[in-house]
Amino acid sequence: MATTTTRSSPGSPGEQAPDPEVSERARRPRTYSAHYKADILDQYDRLDREGKGALLRREGLYSSLICEWRKQRDRGAREALAKAPGRPPADPLERENLRLRRRLGRLEGELDRARQVIEVALCVNLR
């Protein structure tokens, strides 16, 4: 048995309004491997105008990404394409140096507070 829906005027009790809520989570930017970037650039360079548009639509890419990937390729070939986002890992000596600098800063702060406490205690005892 087929059901039919009747449209009534907006605001009538039978019609439901669409949910205006936006999802709470934003999507993260896509990341692409160096191999994928190189493959897409190779395919893109071999195609004619219509083929390039079809490739971009099929892969869900923008022409600005192609331009940026070309710049990366020209700057440093695969090394630039494979560069991981963020800072490079620190060597063990740098890590130790940073740890000791933080500890020194913390201890100097404690020393300053101890000096202030001693100063206040001396002022109170002198009265």
C-alpha atoms as a PDB file:
ATOM      1  CA  MET A   1       0.000   0.000   0.000  1.00  0.00           C
ATOM      2  CA  ALA A   2       1.517   3.318  -1.043  1.00  0.00           C
ATOM      3  CA  THR A   3       1.336   6.266   1.260  1.00  0.00           C
ATOM      4  CA  THR A   4       0.864   9.752  -0.013  1.00  0.00           C
ATOM      5  CA  THR A   5       2.001  12.851   1.663  1.00  0.00           C
ATOM      6  CA  THR A   6       0.074  16.020   1.294  1.00  0.00           C
ATOM      7  CA  ARG A   7       1.756  19.348   1.445  1.00  0.00           C
ATOM      8  CA  SER A   8       0.046  21.903   3.541  1.00  0.00           C
ATOM      9  CA  SER A   9       0.837  25.523   4.079  1.00  0.00           C
ATOM     10  CA  PRO A  10       4.029  26.343   6.018  1.00  0.00           C
ATOM     11  CA  GLY A  11       3.512  26.446   9.723  1.00  0.00           C
ATOM     12  CA  SER A  12       0.758  23.878   9.709  1.00  0.00           C
ATOM     13  CA  PRO A  13       0.918  21.133  12.341  1.00  0.00           C
ATOM     14  CA  GLY A  14       1.616  18.359   9.800  1.00  0.00           C
ATOM     15  CA  GLU A  15       4.820  19.867   8.385  1.00  0.00           C
ATOM     16  CA  GLN A  16       8.177  19.546  10.152  1.00  0.00           C
ATOM     17  CA  ALA A  17      10.870  22.180   9.745  1.00  0.00           C
ATOM     18  CA  PRO A  18      14.373  21.048   8.755  1.00  0.00           C
ATOM     19  CA  ASP A  19      16.888  20.725  11.563  1.00  0.00           C
ATOM     20  CA  PRO A  20      18.924  23.983  11.654  1.00  0.00           C
ATOM     21  CA  GLU A  21      21.689  22.531  13.836  1.00  0.00           C
ATOM     22  CA  VAL A  22      25.207  22.443  12.469  1.00  0.00           C
ATOM     23  CA  SER A  23      27.402  19.496  13.332  1.00  0.00           C
ATOM     24  CA  GLU A  24      29.727  20.232  16.241  1.00  0.00           C
ATOM     25  CA  ARG A  25      32.814  18.757  14.635  1.00  0.00           C
ATOM     26  CA  ALA A  26      34.675  20.554  11.920  1.00  0.00           C
ATOM     27  CA  ARG A  27      36.414  18.450   9.292  1.00  0.00           C
ATOM     28  CA  ARG A  28      40.174  18.379   9.349  1.00  0.00           C
ATOM     29  CA  PRO A  29      42.014  19.342   6.193  1.00  0.00           C
ATOM     30  CA  ARG A  30      42.861  16.389   4.009  1.00  0.00           C
ATOM     31  CA  THR A  31      46.461  15.253   3.903  1.00  0.00           C
ATOM     32  CA  TYR A  32      48.085  13.696   0.887  1.00  0.00           C
ATOM     33  CA  SER A  33      51.096  11.411   0.637  1.00  0.00           C
ATOM     34  CA  ALA A  34      54.061  12.362  -1.507  1.00  0.00           C
ATOM     35  CA  HIS A  35      53.375   9.407  -3.788  1.00  0.00           C
ATOM     36  CA  TYR A  36      49.753  10.506  -4.325  1.00  0.00           C
ATOM     37  CA  LYS A  37      50.806  14.097  -5.077  1.00  0.00           C
ATOM     38  CA  ALA A  38      53.409  12.938  -7.600  1.00  0.00           C
ATOM     39  CA  ASP A  39      50.928  10.582  -9.313  1.00  0.00           C
ATOM     40  CA  ILE A  40      48.274  13.288  -9.601  1.00  0.00           C
ATOM     41  CA  LEU A  41      50.815  15.803 -10.960  1.00  0.00           C
ATOM     42  CA  ASP A  42      52.009  13.281 -13.554  1.00  0.00           C
ATOM     43  CA  GLN A  43      48.441  12.488 -14.638  1.00  0.00           C
ATOM     44  CA  TYR A  44      47.459  16.166 -14.670  1.00  0.00           C
ATOM     45  CA  ASP A  45      50.420  17.172 -16.844  1.00  0.00           C
ATOM     46  CA  ARG A  46      49.609  14.501 -19.456  1.00  0.00           C
ATOM     47  CA  LEU A  47      45.931  15.445 -19.846  1.00  0.00           C
ATOM     48  CA  ASP A  48      44.210  18.011 -22.052  1.00  0.00           C
ATOM     49  CA  ARG A  49      41.967  20.759 -20.653  1.00  0.00           C
ATOM     50  CA  GLU A  50      38.818  18.635 -20.365  1.00  0.00           C
ATOM     51  CA  GLY A  51      40.751  15.721 -18.901  1.00  0.00           C
ATOM     52  CA  LYS A  52      42.330  17.960 -16.269  1.00  0.00           C
ATOM     53  CA  GLY A  53      38.914  19.159 -15.130  1.00  0.00           C
ATOM     54  CA  ALA A  54      37.620  15.594 -15.000  1.00  0.00           C
ATOM     55  CA  LEU A  55      40.625  14.496 -12.931  1.00  0.00           C
ATOM     56  CA  LEU A  56      40.109  17.322 -10.436  1.00  0.00           C
ATOM     57  CA  ARG A  57      36.402  16.522 -10.088  1.00  0.00           C
ATOM     58  CA  ARG A  58      37.019  12.787  -9.749  1.00  0.00           C
ATOM     59  CA  GLU A  59      39.645  13.267  -7.030  1.00  0.00           C
ATOM     60  CA  GLY A  60      37.823  16.150  -5.312  1.00  0.00           C
ATOM     61  CA  LEU A  61      40.791  18.519  -5.734  1.00  0.00           C
ATOM     62  CA  TYR A  62      41.185  22.188  -6.599  1.00  0.00           C
ATOM     63  CA  SER A  63      43.540  23.667  -9.150  1.00  0.00           C
ATOM     64  CA  SER A  64      45.196  25.700  -6.376  1.00  0.00           C
ATOM     65  CA  LEU A  65      46.400  22.424  -4.821  1.00  0.00           C
ATOM     66  CA  ILE A  66      47.988  21.461  -8.135  1.00  0.00           C
ATOM     67  CA  CYS A  67      49.802  24.820  -8.230  1.00  0.00           C
ATOM     68  CA  GLU A  68      51.047  24.399  -4.664  1.00  0.00           C
ATOM     69  CA  TRP A  69      52.172  20.816  -5.285  1.00  0.00           C
ATOM     70  CA  ARG A  70      54.082  21.959  -8.379  1.00  0.00           C
ATOM     71  CA  LYS A  71      55.886  24.596  -6.289  1.00  0.00           C
ATOM     72  CA  GLN A  72      56.759  21.943  -3.719  1.00  0.00           C
ATOM     73  CA  ARG A  73      57.994  19.614  -6.446  1.00  0.00           C
ATOM     74  CA  ASP A  74      60.089  22.350  -7.999  1.00  0.00           C
ATOM     75  CA  ARG A  75      61.596  23.341  -4.639  1.00  0.00           C
ATOM     76  CA  GLY A  76      62.748  19.958  -3.558  1.00  0.00           C
ATOM     77  CA  ALA A  77      61.241  17.124  -5.572  1.00  0.00           C
ATOM     78  CA  ARG A  78      60.096  14.251  -3.354  1.00  0.00           C
ATOM     79  CA  GLU A  79      61.695  15.623  -0.177  1.00  0.00           C
ATOM     80  CA  ALA A  80      59.417  18.679  -0.241  1.00  0.00           C
ATOM     81  CA  LEU A  81      56.370  16.598  -1.145  1.00  0.00           C
ATOM     82  CA  ALA A  82      56.995  14.155   1.697  1.00  0.00           C
ATOM     83  CA  LYS A  83      57.748  16.811   4.308  1.00  0.00           C
ATOM     84  CA  ALA A  84      55.685  16.109   7.388  1.00  0.00           C
ATOM     85  CA  PRO A  85      53.760  19.014   8.891  1.00  0.00           C
ATOM     86  CA  GLY A  86      55.001  20.353  12.207  1.00  0.00           C
ATOM     87  CA  ARG A  87      58.472  20.697  13.505  1.00  0.00           C
ATOM     88  CA  PRO A  88      61.152  18.077  12.978  1.00  0.00           C
ATOM     89  CA  PRO A  89      62.005  15.722  15.833  1.00  0.00           C
ATOM     90  CA  ALA A  90      64.691  17.038  18.167  1.00  0.00           C
ATOM     91  CA  ASP A  91      67.905  15.184  18.750  1.00  0.00           C
ATOM     92  CA  PRO A  92      68.558  13.806  22.269  1.00  0.00           C
ATOM     93  CA  LEU A  93      71.034  16.567  23.205  1.00  0.00           C
ATOM     94  CA  GLU A  94      68.566  19.307  22.332  1.00  0.00           C
ATOM     95  CA  ARG A  95      65.829  17.538  24.293  1.00  0.00           C
ATOM     96  CA  GLU A  96      68.086  17.245  27.352  1.00  0.00           C
ATOM     97  CA  ASN A  97      69.152  20.876  27.011  1.00  0.00           C
ATOM     98  CA  LEU A  98      65.519  21.996  26.871  1.00  0.00           C
ATOM     99  CA  ARG A  99      64.627  19.860  29.906  1.00  0.00           C
ATOM    100  CA  LEU A 100      67.502  21.352  31.917  1.00  0.00           C
ATOM    101  CA  ARG A 101      66.597  24.911  30.898  1.00  0.00           C
ATOM    102  CA  ARG A 102      63.025  24.364  32.075  1.00  0.00           C
ATOM    103  CA  ARG A 103      64.256  22.911  35.353  1.00  0.00           C
ATOM    104  CA  LEU A 104      66.628  25.861  35.818  1.00  0.00           C
ATOM    105  CA  GLY A 105      63.797  28.314  35.249  1.00  0.00           C
ATOM    106  CA  ARG A 106      61.579  26.501  37.738  1.00  0.00           C
ATOM    107  CA  LEU A 107      64.335  26.376  40.367  1.00  0.00           C
ATOM    108  CA  GLU A 108      65.175  30.060  39.895  1.00  0.00           C
ATOM    109  CA  GLY A 109      61.500  30.872  40.460  1.00  0.00           C
ATOM    110  CA  GLU A 110      61.490  28.814  43.654  1.00  0.00           C
ATOM    111  CA  LEU A 111      64.682  30.551  44.817  1.00  0.00           C
ATOM    112  CA  ASP A 112      63.120  33.987  44.246  1.00  0.00           C
ATOM    113  CA  ARG A 113      60.052  32.983  46.252  1.00  0.00           C
ATOM    114  CA  ALA A 114      62.232  31.625  49.069  1.00  0.00           C
ATOM    115  CA  ARG A 115      64.202  34.905  49.171  1.00  0.00           C
ATOM    116  CA  GLN A 116      60.954  36.867  49.399  1.00  0.00           C
ATOM    117  CA  VAL A 117      59.741  34.659  52.264  1.00  0.00           C
ATOM    118  CA  ILE A 118      63.040  35.158  54.126  1.00  0.00           C
ATOM    119  CA  GLU A 119      62.832  38.914  53.552  1.00  0.00           C
ATOM    120  CA  VAL A 120      59.294  39.062  54.941  1.00  0.00           C
ATOM    121  CA  ALA A 121      60.258  36.865  57.915  1.00  0.00           C
ATOM    122  CA  LEU A 122      63.194  39.169  58.735  1.00  0.00           C
ATOM    123  CA  CYS A 123      60.983  42.271  58.526  1.00  0.00           C
ATOM    124  CA  VAL A 124      58.428  40.678  60.860  1.00  0.00           C
ATOM    125  CA  ASN A 125      61.129  39.641  63.378  1.00  0.00           C
ATOM    126  CA  LEU A 126      62.697  43.128  63.405  1.00  0.00           C
ATOM    127  CA  ARG A 127      59.476  44.770  64.565  1.00  0.00           C
END
